[in-house]
Amino acid sequence: MKYKFGLRQSLGIRLRMVLLMLILLPSIMPVHGEPVHEEDITEILRCQCGCTMIVKDCSCEEAVNIRQVVRDQIVAGKSDKQIFSYLEKTYGEGIFAVPPKKGFDLSLWVLPGIGVAIGGVVLYRVKHNSSGDGDVFDDEYRQFLKEQGTAGVITDTGMSYEQMLDLEYRKNMGLKNDEDGDSSE
């Protein structure tokens, strides 16, 4: 019983660590209050010609024009936020290669983390609920064999179907055989 308490405690610690990381993640993201560089801005802008490339890497005329607009804004002394705001007004939200963290688009940033957390909890519960002796499964299986009339039938190996399938089940589940004198609990 002490072993299972240790696993639960370990899971609790891991969940706290994940929550702490999610809370601290925005604080370790780069802040754009420093000198503005054209590359920093154009690497998160999407070209508007329809090629869906990043403006920094695209060589089409539209990308050249956007880079020139960014250069003009930098020369005018605008901050990165002011430049992004200007670009959004001029080209719309589609100019950004990464969706902004506001409104409906915020769900694109939050939902994957929530999905991973829920998936982890489901996997943990499935693993720990199915790793028992399988009493319900065994009872249902024995009932099925009785209904089929195969319970107690001896095969060419000298074991009944029930014994063979029980042995196979235990092997697949990584449980010890009762014949070895070991218990699976």
Protein backbone atom coordinates (compact mmCIF):
# COMPACT_ATOMS: atom_id res chain seq x y z
CA MET A 1 0.00 0.00 0.00
CA LYS A 2 2.94 2.31 0.71
CA TYR A 3 4.02 1.89 -2.92
CA LYS A 4 0.74 3.23 -4.31
CA PHE A 5 0.87 6.20 -1.91
CA GLY A 6 4.33 6.97 -3.29
CA LEU A 7 3.02 6.95 -6.86
CA ARG A 8 0.16 9.29 -5.96
CA GLN A 9 2.52 11.60 -4.15
CA SER A 10 4.89 11.51 -7.13
CA LEU A 11 2.02 12.29 -9.50
CA GLY A 12 0.96 15.20 -7.29
CA ILE A 13 4.48 16.61 -7.34
CA ARG A 14 4.69 16.23 -11.12
CA LEU A 15 1.33 17.96 -11.62
CA ARG A 16 2.45 20.84 -9.40
CA MET A 17 5.66 21.16 -11.42
CA VAL A 18 3.74 21.26 -14.71
CA LEU A 19 1.34 23.88 -13.35
CA LEU A 20 4.26 25.96 -12.08
CA MET A 21 5.92 25.76 -15.50
CA LEU A 22 2.70 26.84 -17.23
CA ILE A 23 2.37 29.77 -14.85
CA LEU A 24 6.00 30.84 -15.26
CA LEU A 25 6.18 30.31 -19.04
CA PRO A 26 4.93 33.82 -19.95
CA SER A 27 7.54 35.36 -17.65
CA ILE A 28 10.45 33.62 -19.39
CA MET A 29 9.29 34.45 -22.90
CA PRO A 30 11.37 37.13 -24.61
CA VAL A 31 10.22 40.68 -24.01
CA HIS A 32 10.25 43.09 -26.93
CA GLY A 33 11.04 46.30 -25.05
CA GLU A 34 14.61 46.31 -26.27
CA PRO A 35 15.99 47.84 -29.49
CA VAL A 36 13.87 46.86 -32.47
CA HIS A 37 15.49 44.81 -35.25
CA GLU A 38 13.94 44.16 -38.63
CA GLU A 39 14.70 40.42 -38.48
CA ASP A 40 12.93 40.05 -35.12
CA ILE A 41 9.76 41.51 -36.57
CA THR A 42 9.81 39.98 -40.05
CA GLU A 43 10.43 36.45 -38.73
CA ILE A 44 6.93 36.36 -37.23
CA LEU A 45 5.12 37.93 -40.17
CA ARG A 46 3.47 35.93 -42.92
CA CYS A 47 3.86 37.03 -46.52
CA GLN A 48 0.61 38.33 -48.00
CA CYS A 49 1.17 37.16 -51.59
CA GLY A 50 -0.42 33.78 -50.84
CA CYS A 51 2.77 31.77 -50.58
CA THR A 52 2.42 31.47 -46.75
CA MET A 53 6.16 31.93 -46.26
CA ILE A 54 7.67 34.01 -43.48
CA VAL A 55 8.43 37.57 -44.64
CA LYS A 56 12.05 37.26 -43.51
CA ASP A 57 12.63 34.30 -45.88
CA CYS A 58 10.33 35.19 -48.79
CA SER A 59 11.76 36.92 -51.85
CA CYS A 60 8.53 37.99 -53.56
CA GLU A 61 7.63 41.64 -54.15
CA GLU A 62 5.02 41.70 -51.36
CA ALA A 63 7.58 40.50 -48.79
CA VAL A 64 10.06 43.15 -49.98
CA ASN A 65 7.35 45.81 -49.52
CA ILE A 66 6.50 44.57 -45.99
CA ARG A 67 10.19 44.57 -45.02
CA GLN A 68 10.44 48.16 -46.30
CA VAL A 69 7.39 49.18 -44.22
CA VAL A 70 9.03 47.63 -41.15
CA ARG A 71 12.32 49.45 -41.88
CA ASP A 72 10.46 52.77 -42.27
CA GLN A 73 8.67 52.21 -38.95
CA ILE A 74 11.98 51.41 -37.20
CA VAL A 75 13.62 54.53 -38.65
CA ALA A 76 10.62 56.55 -37.43
CA GLY A 77 11.48 55.33 -33.90
CA LYS A 78 8.43 53.12 -33.39
CA SER A 79 8.51 50.32 -30.83
CA ASP A 80 7.84 46.75 -31.83
CA LYS A 81 4.32 46.94 -30.38
CA GLN A 82 3.59 50.06 -32.39
CA ILE A 83 4.95 48.40 -35.53
CA PHE A 84 2.85 45.26 -34.95
CA SER A 85 -0.20 47.43 -34.34
CA TYR A 86 0.42 49.35 -37.57
CA LEU A 87 0.92 46.12 -39.55
CA GLU A 88 -2.27 44.64 -38.08
CA LYS A 89 -4.26 47.75 -39.06
CA THR A 90 -2.76 47.73 -42.55
CA TYR A 91 -2.81 43.99 -43.34
CA GLY A 92 -5.14 42.48 -40.74
CA GLU A 93 -4.43 39.72 -38.20
CA GLY A 94 -3.48 37.40 -41.07
CA ILE A 95 -0.09 39.11 -41.24
CA PHE A 96 1.02 37.27 -38.11
CA ALA A 97 2.46 33.78 -38.57
CA VAL A 98 1.63 33.03 -34.94
CA PRO A 99 -1.91 33.72 -33.70
CA PRO A 100 -2.10 36.52 -31.11
CA LYS A 101 -2.69 35.54 -27.48
CA LYS A 102 -6.06 37.21 -27.15
CA GLY A 103 -9.72 36.45 -27.72
CA PHE A 104 -10.56 33.18 -29.45
CA ASP A 105 -6.93 32.69 -30.51
CA LEU A 106 -5.97 32.41 -26.84
CA SER A 107 -7.61 28.98 -26.88
CA LEU A 108 -5.00 27.88 -29.46
CA TRP A 109 -2.35 28.55 -26.83
CA VAL A 110 -4.20 27.11 -23.81
CA LEU A 111 -6.07 24.07 -25.13
CA PRO A 112 -3.03 21.95 -26.09
CA GLY A 113 -1.72 22.17 -22.53
CA ILE A 114 -5.11 21.30 -21.11
CA GLY A 115 -5.39 18.40 -23.57
CA VAL A 116 -2.01 17.04 -22.55
CA ALA A 117 -2.93 17.31 -18.86
CA ILE A 118 -6.27 15.56 -19.37
CA GLY A 119 -4.62 12.88 -21.49
CA GLY A 120 -2.04 12.29 -18.78
CA VAL A 121 -4.72 11.91 -16.13
CA VAL A 122 -6.71 9.51 -18.34
CA LEU A 123 -3.62 7.41 -19.09
CA TYR A 124 -2.71 7.33 -15.40
CA ARG A 125 -6.20 6.19 -14.43
CA VAL A 126 -6.41 3.59 -17.20
CA LYS A 127 -3.00 2.21 -16.27
CA HIS A 128 -3.77 1.99 -12.58
CA ASN A 129 -7.33 0.73 -12.98
CA SER A 130 -6.34 -2.04 -15.40
CA SER A 131 -3.22 -3.23 -13.58
CA GLY A 132 -5.18 -5.08 -10.89
CA ASP A 133 -5.92 -8.81 -10.94
CA GLY A 134 -8.67 -8.30 -13.48
CA ASP A 135 -11.27 -9.96 -11.25
CA VAL A 136 -14.20 -8.59 -13.26
CA PHE A 137 -12.63 -9.71 -16.51
CA ASP A 138 -11.82 -13.14 -15.09
CA ASP A 139 -15.37 -13.63 -13.80
CA GLU A 140 -16.91 -12.58 -17.10
CA TYR A 141 -14.46 -14.76 -19.01
CA ARG A 142 -15.23 -17.82 -16.90
CA GLN A 143 -18.94 -17.21 -17.42
CA PHE A 144 -18.33 -16.99 -21.19
CA LEU A 145 -16.45 -20.31 -21.18
CA LYS A 146 -19.27 -21.99 -19.28
CA GLU A 147 -21.81 -20.66 -21.77
CA GLN A 148 -19.70 -21.90 -24.68
CA GLY A 149 -19.27 -25.29 -23.07
CA THR A 150 -15.47 -25.09 -23.26
CA ALA A 151 -14.78 -24.70 -19.54
CA GLY A 152 -12.67 -27.61 -18.34
CA VAL A 153 -12.03 -28.98 -21.87
CA ILE A 154 -8.50 -30.36 -22.03
CA THR A 155 -6.32 -29.36 -24.99
CA ASP A 156 -3.38 -31.23 -26.47
CA THR A 157 -1.09 -29.35 -24.03
CA GLY A 158 -2.81 -30.94 -21.05
CA MET A 159 -4.34 -27.64 -19.93
CA SER A 160 -7.92 -26.46 -20.18
CA TYR A 161 -8.77 -23.55 -22.46
CA GLU A 162 -9.32 -21.48 -19.35
CA GLN A 163 -5.85 -22.31 -18.02
CA MET A 164 -4.21 -21.60 -21.38
CA LEU A 165 -5.92 -18.25 -21.81
CA ASP A 166 -5.27 -17.32 -18.20
CA LEU A 167 -1.59 -18.10 -18.71
CA GLU A 168 -1.51 -16.04 -21.92
CA TYR A 169 -3.33 -13.17 -20.19
CA ARG A 170 -0.88 -13.17 -17.30
CA LYS A 171 2.07 -13.29 -19.70
CA ASN A 172 0.73 -10.32 -21.70
CA MET A 173 -0.03 -8.32 -18.55
CA GLY A 174 3.40 -9.03 -17.09
CA LEU A 175 1.95 -10.92 -14.12
CA LYS A 176 3.65 -13.86 -12.43
CA ASN A 177 2.31 -17.37 -12.89
CA ASP A 178 0.58 -18.98 -9.93
CA GLU A 179 2.51 -22.19 -10.66
CA ASP A 180 5.78 -20.42 -9.83
CA GLY A 181 4.54 -19.87 -6.29
CA ASP A 182 4.55 -16.12 -6.81
CA SER A 183 1.51 -13.97 -6.35
CA SER A 184 0.62 -11.22 -8.76
CA GLU A 185 -0.30 -8.89 -5.90
